[in-house]
Amino acid sequence: MIQHFSFKPLFENTQLPGWTVSFFYQRERFSAEYLKDGTIQWTGPTPPNEEDVKKMIHELMLFHVYD
């Protein structure tokens, strides 16, 4: 389960899509860039169970950004 999820825009012009995300997963901190096409690029180590984590991030972004 992802904990302490946060995101902020990549660009000062908030009309441009793209966000940096950070969160804790299995007591480790991870960060990534969430691009406008839904691609996730890790800016540090890749979390275990990467595909499951990506699904959770997509759900959180849909809830917080696109809703």
Protein backbone atom coordinates (compact mmCIF):
# COMPACT_ATOMS: atom_id res chain seq x y z
CA MET A 1 0.00 0.00 0.00
CA ILE A 2 1.26 3.47 -0.89
CA GLN A 3 1.51 5.93 2.00
CA HIS A 4 2.14 9.67 2.21
CA PHE A 5 1.50 10.20 -1.50
CA SER A 6 2.20 13.72 -2.76
CA PHE A 7 2.42 15.33 -6.17
CA LYS A 8 3.27 18.71 -7.65
CA PRO A 9 3.40 20.10 -11.19
CA LEU A 10 6.58 19.63 -13.19
CA PHE A 11 6.18 23.03 -14.83
CA GLU A 12 5.42 26.51 -13.49
CA ASN A 13 2.72 26.87 -16.13
CA THR A 14 0.14 24.57 -14.56
CA GLN A 15 -1.63 24.22 -17.90
CA LEU A 16 1.18 21.90 -19.01
CA PRO A 17 0.57 18.37 -17.75
CA GLY A 18 3.27 16.50 -15.88
CA TRP A 19 3.87 15.96 -12.18
CA THR A 20 6.50 14.79 -9.76
CA VAL A 21 5.18 12.23 -7.32
CA SER A 22 6.66 10.86 -4.14
CA PHE A 23 5.44 8.27 -1.67
CA PHE A 24 6.43 5.54 0.74
CA TYR A 25 5.99 1.89 -0.19
CA GLN A 26 7.06 -0.92 2.13
CA ARG A 27 8.78 1.66 4.39
CA GLU A 28 10.95 3.04 1.56
CA ARG A 29 10.63 6.43 -0.14
CA PHE A 30 10.23 6.49 -3.92
CA SER A 31 9.87 9.32 -6.41
CA ALA A 32 8.97 9.54 -10.08
CA GLU A 33 7.75 11.80 -12.84
CA TYR A 34 4.21 11.19 -14.01
CA LEU A 35 4.01 12.37 -17.61
CA LYS A 36 0.96 13.58 -19.54
CA ASP A 37 0.54 10.24 -21.34
CA GLY A 38 0.50 8.33 -18.04
CA THR A 39 4.10 7.16 -18.33
CA ILE A 40 5.91 6.86 -15.02
CA GLN A 41 9.65 7.49 -15.01
CA TRP A 42 11.39 6.61 -11.76
CA THR A 43 13.83 9.26 -10.54
CA GLY A 44 15.40 6.88 -8.04
CA PRO A 45 15.23 3.17 -7.34
CA THR A 46 12.37 1.16 -8.81
CA PRO A 47 9.95 -0.18 -6.18
CA PRO A 48 9.33 -3.90 -5.77
CA ASN A 49 6.13 -5.07 -7.47
CA GLU A 50 6.52 -2.21 -9.95
CA GLU A 51 3.39 -2.98 -11.96
CA ASP A 52 1.20 -3.04 -8.84
CA VAL A 53 2.70 0.26 -7.67
CA LYS A 54 2.08 1.84 -11.09
CA LYS A 55 -1.59 0.83 -10.90
CA MET A 56 -1.90 2.44 -7.46
CA ILE A 57 -0.24 5.64 -8.72
CA HIS A 58 -2.60 5.80 -11.72
CA GLU A 59 -5.60 5.44 -9.41
CA LEU A 60 -4.34 8.16 -7.07
CA MET A 61 -3.61 10.54 -9.95
CA LEU A 62 -7.06 9.95 -11.43
CA PHE A 63 -8.61 10.76 -8.06
CA HIS A 64 -6.49 13.83 -7.24
CA VAL A 65 -5.74 15.41 -10.61
CA TYR A 66 -8.32 14.36 -13.16
CA ASP A 67 -11.42 14.22 -10.98
